[in-house]
């Protein structure tokens, strides 16, 4: 499979990134992996164990499970501390509400039963359901997730509930900040075709890294014009939308759906796609693919080829091409770059000289 031949994709997630990388690379893409956050190992989280003991000692009337992986990790951490049995017994005596089908599946896998599951897979809907059923004077435990917004729980408090949150995993700064900085630079330079986001904290962390580098405006501009931001769902997309970035989102908020949606979008929307005398030419953020072969081009020649391809066979003057070569002093730099481009092509005639006018790509109508 080579739907993504020549494509370059940035991946910001830590958890399950291996699956994403393997899938994209199998489809022909090159991956830049820069986890913007990392997760505390559950079995090493003393705060989680303290909160678990509190839940067992002071049983809740209602429990809201927000993520399947969160409940699974909570039970695994409790089991490592010898607390799994009393925890599940405690949860089993409570009214259990799930944020969506993935949470429901893990609830049932642990021998529990939910009374209701939110169709929208959003915490706000589950909170509304609990409030509608009545929570005055009741104890409510909420299994928080990495993107949890505690403000979403305020209606429970306002309705008279005693609310406790259990943070099953916590986000920490990235293990390799330099990789995140490089990702920021690549987006700002529009040198990536897409960047994937699987958590709201991960998206926020990339935006914050850009702010700290003084590259925030350039990062946002890159996402608005050139680099596709792809988020796994609306919750993950929200920090991006707040900055005027409109991410691609799959119809189903699942990792597999994200992979399929982004693959289809990138396959159908290259930077440029023209038929030439040497075969089909597809331009990507960092590469050009001619007749199924990735061309080895330096940034300058690639920029000129991209501009010619977008012109679709129209003649472009040296003056037209000069702006794609930052730092070039005069039109002679265009001539030199075109020469380098021709030397790297399998057929120098792919770029034609039009006397006294400029250059054009050998496009077949």
Protein backbone atom coordinates (compact mmCIF):
# COMPACT_ATOMS: atom_id res chain seq x y z
CA UNK A 1 0.00 0.00 0.00
CA UNK A 2 1.36 3.43 -0.91
CA UNK A 3 -1.56 5.87 -0.56
CA UNK A 4 0.70 8.13 1.50
CA UNK A 5 3.93 7.84 -0.46
CA UNK A 6 5.91 11.05 0.08
CA UNK A 7 3.64 12.28 2.91
CA UNK A 8 5.16 13.52 6.19
CA UNK A 9 3.00 13.30 9.32
CA UNK A 10 3.68 14.61 12.82
CA UNK A 11 2.39 12.53 15.75
CA UNK A 12 1.97 14.25 19.12
CA UNK A 13 0.74 11.32 21.21
CA UNK A 14 2.72 9.11 23.55
CA UNK A 15 0.24 6.35 24.32
CA UNK A 16 -0.50 4.00 21.40
CA UNK A 17 1.79 5.99 19.13
CA UNK A 18 3.44 2.77 17.96
CA UNK A 19 0.24 1.62 16.27
CA UNK A 20 -0.15 4.95 14.50
CA UNK A 21 3.44 5.09 13.34
CA UNK A 22 3.35 1.52 11.99
CA UNK A 23 0.10 2.16 10.11
CA UNK A 24 1.24 5.38 8.47
CA UNK A 25 4.65 3.98 7.55
CA UNK A 26 3.03 0.88 6.06
CA UNK A 27 1.06 3.23 3.80
CA UNK A 28 4.25 4.93 2.64
CA UNK A 29 4.38 7.98 4.90
CA UNK A 30 7.32 9.33 6.85
CA UNK A 31 6.55 10.03 10.52
CA UNK A 32 7.92 12.71 12.83
CA UNK A 33 7.19 11.53 16.39
CA UNK A 34 7.17 14.30 19.01
CA UNK A 35 5.07 13.39 22.09
CA UNK A 36 3.98 16.69 23.62
CA UNK A 37 3.03 15.06 26.94
CA UNK A 38 3.70 11.84 28.84
CA UNK A 39 1.62 9.88 31.31
CA UNK A 40 2.53 8.89 34.88
CA UNK A 41 2.69 5.07 35.14
CA UNK A 42 -0.44 4.09 37.04
CA UNK A 43 1.14 1.64 39.46
CA UNK A 44 3.57 4.34 40.58
CA UNK A 45 0.87 6.95 41.26
CA UNK A 46 0.58 7.37 45.04
CA UNK A 47 -2.19 9.94 44.67
CA UNK A 48 -4.37 7.47 42.73
CA UNK A 49 -3.95 4.83 45.43
CA UNK A 50 -4.82 7.35 48.13
CA UNK A 51 -7.96 8.35 46.22
CA UNK A 52 -8.85 4.67 45.74
CA UNK A 53 -8.62 3.96 49.46
CA UNK A 54 -10.82 6.99 50.11
CA UNK A 55 -13.48 5.67 47.69
CA UNK A 56 -13.47 2.28 49.41
CA UNK A 57 -13.63 3.80 52.89
CA UNK A 58 -16.33 6.29 51.94
CA UNK A 59 -18.47 4.54 49.27
CA UNK A 60 -20.18 6.76 46.67
CA UNK A 61 -23.84 6.66 45.69
CA UNK A 62 -23.05 7.40 42.06
CA UNK A 63 -20.00 6.79 39.85
CA UNK A 64 -19.29 8.42 36.49
CA UNK A 65 -16.79 6.49 34.34
CA UNK A 66 -15.44 8.76 31.60
CA UNK A 67 -12.98 6.49 29.73
CA UNK A 68 -12.53 2.78 29.23
CA UNK A 69 -8.75 3.01 29.49
CA UNK A 70 -9.16 5.05 32.66
CA UNK A 71 -11.29 2.43 34.40
CA UNK A 72 -9.01 -0.35 33.18
CA UNK A 73 -5.96 1.47 34.50
CA UNK A 74 -7.68 2.24 37.79
CA UNK A 75 -8.51 -1.41 38.38
CA UNK A 76 -4.99 -2.52 37.34
CA UNK A 77 -3.40 -0.01 39.73
CA UNK A 78 -5.76 -1.10 42.50
CA UNK A 79 -4.93 -4.74 41.82
CA UNK A 80 -1.20 -4.04 42.11
CA UNK A 81 -1.90 -2.59 45.57
CA UNK A 82 -4.21 -5.44 46.59
CA UNK A 83 -7.30 -3.20 46.38
CA UNK A 84 -9.04 -4.43 43.20
CA UNK A 85 -11.63 -6.62 44.94
CA UNK A 86 -12.83 -4.05 47.48
CA UNK A 87 -12.81 -1.33 44.78
CA UNK A 88 -15.01 -3.34 42.40
CA UNK A 89 -17.33 -4.32 45.24
CA UNK A 90 -17.69 -0.64 46.16
CA UNK A 91 -18.37 0.41 42.57
CA UNK A 92 -20.82 -2.46 42.17
CA UNK A 93 -23.04 -1.05 44.92
CA UNK A 94 -23.21 2.39 43.29
CA UNK A 95 -25.27 3.74 40.40
CA UNK A 96 -22.78 3.65 37.49
CA UNK A 97 -23.05 6.03 34.53
CA UNK A 98 -20.76 5.76 31.48
CA UNK A 99 -19.58 8.57 29.22
CA UNK A 100 -19.86 6.36 26.14
CA UNK A 101 -19.61 2.86 24.65
CA UNK A 102 -15.87 2.39 25.25
CA UNK A 103 -16.35 3.09 28.94
CA UNK A 104 -19.39 0.81 28.95
CA UNK A 105 -17.38 -2.06 27.50
CA UNK A 106 -14.76 -1.90 30.24
CA UNK A 107 -17.42 -1.47 32.94
CA UNK A 108 -19.01 -4.74 31.85
CA UNK A 109 -15.65 -6.47 31.42
CA UNK A 110 -15.02 -5.84 35.11
CA UNK A 111 -18.30 -7.43 36.14
CA UNK A 112 -20.11 -4.13 36.71
CA UNK A 113 -23.27 -2.81 35.08
CA UNK A 114 -23.98 0.71 33.94
CA UNK A 115 -27.42 2.24 34.42
CA UNK A 116 -26.97 4.60 31.46
CA UNK A 117 -24.42 5.55 28.79
CA UNK A 118 -24.02 8.92 27.03
CA UNK A 119 -24.61 8.67 23.28
CA UNK A 120 -22.51 11.78 22.61
CA UNK A 121 -19.47 10.40 24.49
CA UNK A 122 -19.20 13.72 26.30
CA UNK A 123 -18.93 14.29 30.04
CA UNK A 124 -21.45 17.15 29.93
CA UNK A 125 -24.24 14.84 28.75
CA UNK A 126 -23.52 12.30 31.49
CA UNK A 127 -23.51 15.06 34.10
CA UNK A 128 -26.84 16.34 32.81
CA UNK A 129 -28.29 12.84 33.14
CA UNK A 130 -27.17 12.51 36.76
CA UNK A 131 -28.57 15.92 37.63
CA UNK A 132 -31.87 15.04 35.96
CA UNK A 133 -32.10 11.83 37.99
CA UNK A 134 -31.36 13.74 41.19
CA UNK A 135 -28.09 13.98 43.11
CA UNK A 136 -29.02 16.22 46.05
CA UNK A 137 -27.33 14.91 49.17
CA UNK A 138 -25.61 12.10 47.24
CA UNK A 139 -21.90 11.28 46.98
CA UNK A 140 -20.64 11.24 43.38
CA UNK A 141 -17.25 9.91 42.31
CA UNK A 142 -16.01 10.87 38.85
CA UNK A 143 -13.19 8.97 37.17
CA UNK A 144 -11.38 11.87 35.52
CA UNK A 145 -9.44 11.55 32.31
CA UNK A 146 -6.47 13.43 30.95
CA UNK A 147 -8.61 16.03 29.19
CA UNK A 148 -11.10 16.41 32.01
CA UNK A 149 -12.49 19.86 32.62
CA UNK A 150 -13.57 20.07 36.25
CA UNK A 151 -15.89 22.94 35.30
CA UNK A 152 -18.09 20.34 33.59
CA UNK A 153 -18.76 18.86 37.03
CA UNK A 154 -20.04 22.11 38.56
CA UNK A 155 -23.71 21.31 37.76
CA UNK A 156 -23.43 18.32 40.10
CA UNK A 157 -22.22 20.52 42.93
CA UNK A 158 -24.90 23.10 42.17
CA UNK A 159 -27.51 20.34 42.34
CA UNK A 160 -26.40 19.43 45.87
CA UNK A 161 -24.01 16.54 45.27
CA UNK A 162 -20.73 15.92 47.07
CA UNK A 163 -18.32 15.39 44.20
CA UNK A 164 -14.93 13.69 44.30
CA UNK A 165 -12.65 13.23 41.32
CA UNK A 166 -10.28 10.32 40.85
CA UNK A 167 -7.40 11.15 38.50
CA UNK A 168 -6.44 7.82 36.97
CA UNK A 169 -3.53 9.16 34.96
CA UNK A 170 -1.72 12.46 35.01
CA UNK A 171 -0.02 14.33 32.21
CA UNK A 172 3.60 15.42 32.60
CA UNK A 173 5.89 17.52 30.37
CA UNK A 174 7.45 15.75 27.37
CA UNK A 175 10.49 13.54 27.78
CA UNK A 176 12.10 15.23 24.75
CA UNK A 177 11.21 18.96 24.60
CA UNK A 178 13.60 19.38 21.68
CA UNK A 179 11.48 17.08 19.53
CA UNK A 180 8.42 19.20 20.30
CA UNK A 181 10.31 22.37 19.39
CA UNK A 182 11.31 20.81 16.08
CA UNK A 183 7.69 19.89 15.42
CA UNK A 184 6.65 23.49 16.04
CA UNK A 185 9.26 24.68 13.53
CA UNK A 186 8.11 22.14 10.92
CA UNK A 187 4.48 23.26 11.20
CA UNK A 188 5.48 26.92 11.05
CA UNK A 189 7.52 26.23 7.91
CA UNK A 190 4.65 24.15 6.43
CA UNK A 191 7.06 21.24 6.13
CA UNK A 192 4.50 18.68 7.33
CA UNK A 193 1.41 17.45 5.54
CA UNK A 194 -0.49 16.77 8.76
CA UNK A 195 -0.23 16.53 12.55
CA UNK A 196 -2.38 14.17 14.64
CA UNK A 197 -3.81 14.90 18.10
CA UNK A 198 -5.35 12.28 20.39
CA UNK A 199 -5.83 14.33 23.57
CA UNK A 200 -6.72 17.91 24.46
CA UNK A 201 -3.73 18.25 26.83
CA UNK A 202 -1.47 17.17 23.98
CA UNK A 203 -2.89 19.88 21.73
CA UNK A 204 -2.59 22.50 24.47
CA UNK A 205 1.02 21.47 25.11
CA UNK A 206 2.00 22.01 21.46
CA UNK A 207 0.36 25.43 21.43
CA UNK A 208 2.12 26.36 24.67
CA UNK A 209 5.48 25.16 23.34
CA UNK A 210 5.00 27.46 20.35
CA UNK A 211 4.17 30.40 22.64
CA UNK A 212 7.32 29.84 24.67
CA UNK A 213 9.43 29.83 21.50
CA UNK A 214 7.78 32.97 20.17
CA UNK A 215 6.45 30.95 17.23
CA UNK A 216 2.77 30.82 18.16
CA UNK A 217 1.47 32.99 15.31
CA UNK A 218 3.58 31.09 12.78
CA UNK A 219 2.34 27.74 14.13
CA UNK A 220 -1.30 28.80 13.89
CA UNK A 221 -0.72 30.20 10.39
CA UNK A 222 0.83 26.89 9.36
CA UNK A 223 -2.22 24.97 10.53
CA UNK A 224 -4.61 27.42 8.90
CA UNK A 225 -2.86 27.25 5.54
CA UNK A 226 -1.01 24.11 4.54
CA UNK A 227 -0.70 21.68 7.47
CA UNK A 228 -3.73 19.53 8.31
CA UNK A 229 -4.48 19.23 12.03
CA UNK A 230 -6.33 15.97 12.66
CA UNK A 231 -8.01 15.45 16.06
CA UNK A 232 -9.57 12.21 17.30
CA UNK A 233 -12.73 13.98 18.50
CA UNK A 234 -14.42 17.22 19.51
CA UNK A 235 -12.93 17.31 23.02
CA UNK A 236 -9.42 17.00 21.59
CA UNK A 237 -10.20 19.55 18.88
CA UNK A 238 -11.51 22.25 21.23
CA UNK A 239 -8.12 23.87 22.17
CA UNK A 240 -7.27 24.09 18.47
CA UNK A 241 -10.63 25.60 17.55
CA UNK A 242 -10.20 28.26 20.21
CA UNK A 243 -7.15 29.46 18.26
CA UNK A 244 -8.95 29.53 14.92
CA UNK A 245 -7.59 26.16 13.74
CA UNK A 246 -10.23 23.95 12.08
CA UNK A 247 -9.09 20.35 12.54
CA UNK A 248 -10.12 17.31 10.54
CA UNK A 249 -12.21 15.00 12.78
CA UNK A 250 -13.40 11.45 11.98
CA UNK A 251 -17.11 10.65 12.13
CA UNK A 252 -16.42 8.10 14.88
CA UNK A 253 -14.15 9.30 17.67
CA UNK A 254 -11.77 6.34 17.53
CA UNK A 255 -8.10 5.97 16.75
CA UNK A 256 -8.79 3.61 13.85
CA UNK A 257 -11.26 6.09 12.37
CA UNK A 258 -8.68 8.88 12.69
CA UNK A 259 -6.14 6.80 10.75
CA UNK A 260 -8.63 6.02 7.98
CA UNK A 261 -9.99 9.56 7.75
CA UNK A 262 -6.58 11.22 7.58
CA UNK A 263 -5.27 8.68 5.07
CA UNK A 264 -8.23 9.27 2.76
CA UNK A 265 -7.96 13.05 3.09
CA UNK A 266 -4.23 13.20 2.38
CA UNK A 267 -4.52 10.78 -0.54
CA UNK A 268 -7.18 13.00 -2.10
CA UNK A 269 -5.62 16.39 -1.28
CA UNK A 270 -1.92 16.67 -2.20
CA UNK A 271 -0.28 20.07 -2.44
CA UNK A 272 -0.39 19.65 -6.23
CA UNK A 273 -1.23 16.81 -8.61
CA UNK A 274 -0.57 17.08 -12.35
CA UNK A 275 0.04 14.75 -15.28
CA UNK A 276 3.31 15.45 -17.05
CA UNK A 277 5.19 14.05 -19.97
CA UNK A 278 7.11 11.92 -17.45
CA UNK A 279 4.04 10.63 -15.62
CA UNK A 280 1.93 11.74 -12.68
CA UNK A 281 3.61 14.33 -10.45
CA UNK A 282 2.34 14.62 -6.85
CA UNK A 283 3.69 17.33 -4.56
CA UNK A 284 3.72 16.96 -0.79
CA UNK A 285 5.01 19.20 2.00
CA UNK A 286 8.58 17.85 1.87
CA UNK A 287 8.68 15.67 -1.23
CA UNK A 288 7.71 15.24 -4.85
CA UNK A 289 6.61 11.89 -6.24
CA UNK A 290 7.00 11.38 -9.99
CA UNK A 291 5.45 8.31 -11.56
CA UNK A 292 5.53 6.48 -8.20
CA UNK A 293 9.13 7.41 -7.34
CA UNK A 294 10.09 9.87 -4.60
CA UNK A 295 12.43 12.52 -6.00
CA UNK A 296 15.45 13.58 -3.94
CA UNK A 297 15.16 17.36 -4.06
CA UNK A 298 16.72 20.10 -1.94
CA UNK A 299 14.32 22.69 -0.47
CA UNK A 300 14.97 25.32 -3.17
CA UNK A 301 14.35 23.09 -6.20
CA UNK A 302 11.35 21.52 -4.45
CA UNK A 303 9.85 24.97 -3.83
CA UNK A 304 10.27 25.91 -7.50
CA UNK A 305 8.78 22.60 -8.67
CA UNK A 306 5.83 23.05 -6.32
CA UNK A 307 5.14 26.53 -7.68
CA UNK A 308 5.38 25.31 -11.29
CA UNK A 309 3.07 22.37 -10.56
CA UNK A 310 0.48 24.64 -8.99
CA UNK A 311 0.62 26.80 -12.12
CA UNK A 312 -0.47 23.75 -14.10
CA UNK A 313 1.62 24.40 -17.20
CA UNK A 314 1.26 28.18 -17.20
CA UNK A 315 4.48 30.07 -17.86
CA UNK A 316 5.99 31.70 -14.76
CA UNK A 317 8.59 34.43 -14.99
CA UNK A 318 11.75 34.52 -12.93
CA UNK A 319 10.11 37.34 -10.99
CA UNK A 320 7.14 35.04 -10.25
CA UNK A 321 9.44 32.30 -8.91
CA UNK A 322 11.77 34.50 -6.86
CA UNK A 323 9.43 34.76 -3.80
CA UNK A 324 9.54 30.97 -3.22
CA UNK A 325 13.29 31.25 -2.57
CA UNK A 326 13.64 33.11 0.75
CA UNK A 327 16.91 34.98 0.96
CA UNK A 328 17.53 34.92 -2.79
CA UNK A 329 19.01 38.23 -3.89
CA UNK A 330 18.01 38.38 -7.55
CA UNK A 331 16.56 36.46 -10.47
CA UNK A 332 19.90 34.79 -11.12
CA UNK A 333 19.18 32.66 -8.06
CA UNK A 334 16.06 31.40 -9.85
CA UNK A 335 18.15 30.36 -12.87
CA UNK A 336 20.61 28.51 -10.63
CA UNK A 337 17.81 26.75 -8.74
CA UNK A 338 16.05 25.70 -11.94
CA UNK A 339 19.36 24.23 -13.11
CA UNK A 340 19.66 22.24 -9.89
CA UNK A 341 16.07 21.09 -10.26
CA UNK A 342 16.62 19.85 -13.81
CA UNK A 343 19.75 17.99 -12.74
CA UNK A 344 17.74 16.11 -10.10
CA UNK A 345 14.89 15.15 -12.45
CA UNK A 346 14.89 11.95 -14.52
CA UNK A 347 14.22 14.15 -17.57
CA UNK A 348 15.44 17.75 -17.58
CA UNK A 349 12.80 18.53 -20.21
CA UNK A 350 10.12 18.30 -17.52
CA UNK A 351 10.87 21.98 -16.84
CA UNK A 352 10.71 23.91 -20.10
CA UNK A 353 12.29 27.30 -20.80
CA UNK A 354 10.08 29.77 -22.63
CA UNK A 355 12.40 32.31 -24.25
CA UNK A 356 12.15 35.81 -22.78
CA UNK A 357 9.19 34.74 -20.62
CA UNK A 358 10.30 32.20 -18.02
CA UNK A 359 9.62 28.55 -17.24
CA UNK A 360 6.73 26.12 -17.32
CA UNK A 361 6.13 22.52 -16.35
CA UNK A 362 5.62 19.99 -19.15
CA UNK A 363 1.99 19.30 -18.24
CA UNK A 364 -0.12 16.98 -20.39
CA UNK A 365 -3.62 18.33 -20.88
